[in-house]
Amino acid sequence: MNNDNAVTRSSSPVLLWLVLAVSAVVNAGGPLVGLGLPVRMVAGGIALGTIALLVTHHVRRRRQLGDRRVR
């Protein structure tokens, strides 16, 4: 028996959260350990990109769940 209403989960949000945490630590802790401004700027850019991907994933997942509830 197939459950067509089951939500498939992927590991992408877990990896995105991990990348976000690491880049945030590098960005915030950079001055304490003497990292240069370019390295911190790249870490901040990665953090912003990761946040955008997490929001996109969340919105797409909500739309998929909404479509399944309507049927």
C-alpha atoms as a PDB file:
ATOM      1  CA  MET A   1       0.000   0.000   0.000  1.00  0.00           C
ATOM      2  CA  ASN A   2       1.358   3.397  -0.969  1.00  0.00           C
ATOM      3  CA  ASN A   3       0.914   6.512   1.083  1.00  0.00           C
ATOM      4  CA  ASP A   4       0.681   9.313  -1.467  1.00  0.00           C
ATOM      5  CA  ASN A   5       0.218  11.904   1.266  1.00  0.00           C
ATOM      6  CA  ALA A   6       3.564  11.142   2.908  1.00  0.00           C
ATOM      7  CA  VAL A   7       6.053  13.978   2.868  1.00  0.00           C
ATOM      8  CA  THR A   8       9.434  13.081   1.474  1.00  0.00           C
ATOM      9  CA  ARG A   9      12.264  14.471   3.522  1.00  0.00           C
ATOM     10  CA  SER A  10      15.701  15.300   2.322  1.00  0.00           C
ATOM     11  CA  SER A  11      18.952  16.049   4.041  1.00  0.00           C
ATOM     12  CA  SER A  12      19.305  19.436   2.359  1.00  0.00           C
ATOM     13  CA  PRO A  13      17.828  21.499   5.238  1.00  0.00           C
ATOM     14  CA  VAL A  14      20.157  19.803   7.705  1.00  0.00           C
ATOM     15  CA  LEU A  15      23.164  20.573   5.532  1.00  0.00           C
ATOM     16  CA  LEU A  16      22.001  24.148   4.987  1.00  0.00           C
ATOM     17  CA  TRP A  17      21.610  24.687   8.738  1.00  0.00           C
ATOM     18  CA  LEU A  18      25.103  23.275   9.281  1.00  0.00           C
ATOM     19  CA  VAL A  19      26.607  25.577   6.645  1.00  0.00           C
ATOM     20  CA  LEU A  20      24.728  28.526   8.150  1.00  0.00           C
ATOM     21  CA  ALA A  21      26.027  27.770  11.640  1.00  0.00           C
ATOM     22  CA  VAL A  22      29.634  27.418  10.485  1.00  0.00           C
ATOM     23  CA  SER A  23      29.565  30.554   8.375  1.00  0.00           C
ATOM     24  CA  ALA A  24      27.931  32.527  11.199  1.00  0.00           C
ATOM     25  CA  VAL A  25      30.606  31.389  13.657  1.00  0.00           C
ATOM     26  CA  VAL A  26      33.367  32.336  11.216  1.00  0.00           C
ATOM     27  CA  ASN A  27      31.735  35.693  10.558  1.00  0.00           C
ATOM     28  CA  ALA A  28      31.128  36.516  14.227  1.00  0.00           C
ATOM     29  CA  GLY A  29      34.317  35.023  15.648  1.00  0.00           C
ATOM     30  CA  GLY A  30      36.621  36.234  12.890  1.00  0.00           C
ATOM     31  CA  PRO A  31      37.823  39.372  14.671  1.00  0.00           C
ATOM     32  CA  LEU A  32      38.620  37.384  17.807  1.00  0.00           C
ATOM     33  CA  VAL A  33      40.992  35.036  16.008  1.00  0.00           C
ATOM     34  CA  GLY A  34      42.367  37.600  13.578  1.00  0.00           C
ATOM     35  CA  LEU A  35      40.655  36.631  10.329  1.00  0.00           C
ATOM     36  CA  GLY A  36      40.824  39.254   7.642  1.00  0.00           C
ATOM     37  CA  LEU A  37      37.880  41.286   6.411  1.00  0.00           C
ATOM     38  CA  PRO A  38      37.628  39.492   3.029  1.00  0.00           C
ATOM     39  CA  VAL A  39      37.279  36.108   4.746  1.00  0.00           C
ATOM     40  CA  ARG A  40      34.567  37.442   7.035  1.00  0.00           C
ATOM     41  CA  MET A  41      32.763  39.060   4.111  1.00  0.00           C
ATOM     42  CA  VAL A  42      32.736  35.765   2.201  1.00  0.00           C
ATOM     43  CA  ALA A  43      31.432  33.977   5.301  1.00  0.00           C
ATOM     44  CA  GLY A  44      28.688  36.592   5.621  1.00  0.00           C
ATOM     45  CA  GLY A  45      27.762  36.169   1.961  1.00  0.00           C
ATOM     46  CA  ILE A  46      27.567  32.412   2.402  1.00  0.00           C
ATOM     47  CA  ALA A  47      25.359  32.926   5.455  1.00  0.00           C
ATOM     48  CA  LEU A  48      23.003  35.208   3.508  1.00  0.00           C
ATOM     49  CA  GLY A  49      22.824  32.773   0.606  1.00  0.00           C
ATOM     50  CA  THR A  50      22.121  29.897   2.972  1.00  0.00           C
ATOM     51  CA  ILE A  51      19.314  31.853   4.649  1.00  0.00           C
ATOM     52  CA  ALA A  52      17.780  32.528   1.234  1.00  0.00           C
ATOM     53  CA  LEU A  53      17.955  28.818   0.361  1.00  0.00           C
ATOM     54  CA  LEU A  54      16.368  27.831   3.682  1.00  0.00           C
ATOM     55  CA  VAL A  55      13.497  30.269   3.136  1.00  0.00           C
ATOM     56  CA  THR A  56      13.015  28.987  -0.419  1.00  0.00           C
ATOM     57  CA  HIS A  57      12.971  25.397   0.807  1.00  0.00           C
ATOM     58  CA  HIS A  58      10.435  26.262   3.490  1.00  0.00           C
ATOM     59  CA  VAL A  59       8.100  28.050   1.079  1.00  0.00           C
ATOM     60  CA  ARG A  60       8.248  25.245  -1.492  1.00  0.00           C
ATOM     61  CA  ARG A  61       7.592  22.622   1.173  1.00  0.00           C
ATOM     62  CA  ARG A  62       4.571  24.540   2.502  1.00  0.00           C
ATOM     63  CA  ARG A  63       3.169  24.817  -1.028  1.00  0.00           C
ATOM     64  CA  GLN A  64       3.600  21.084  -1.565  1.00  0.00           C
ATOM     65  CA  LEU A  65       1.876  20.323   1.709  1.00  0.00           C
ATOM     66  CA  GLY A  66      -0.921  22.740   0.854  1.00  0.00           C
ATOM     67  CA  ASP A  67      -1.431  21.093  -2.524  1.00  0.00           C
ATOM     68  CA  ARG A  68      -1.668  17.668  -0.884  1.00  0.00           C
ATOM     69  CA  ARG A  69      -4.212  18.837   1.676  1.00  0.00           C
ATOM     70  CA  VAL A  70      -6.518  20.244  -1.025  1.00  0.00           C
ATOM     71  CA  ARG A  71      -6.807  16.940  -2.897  1.00  0.00           C
END
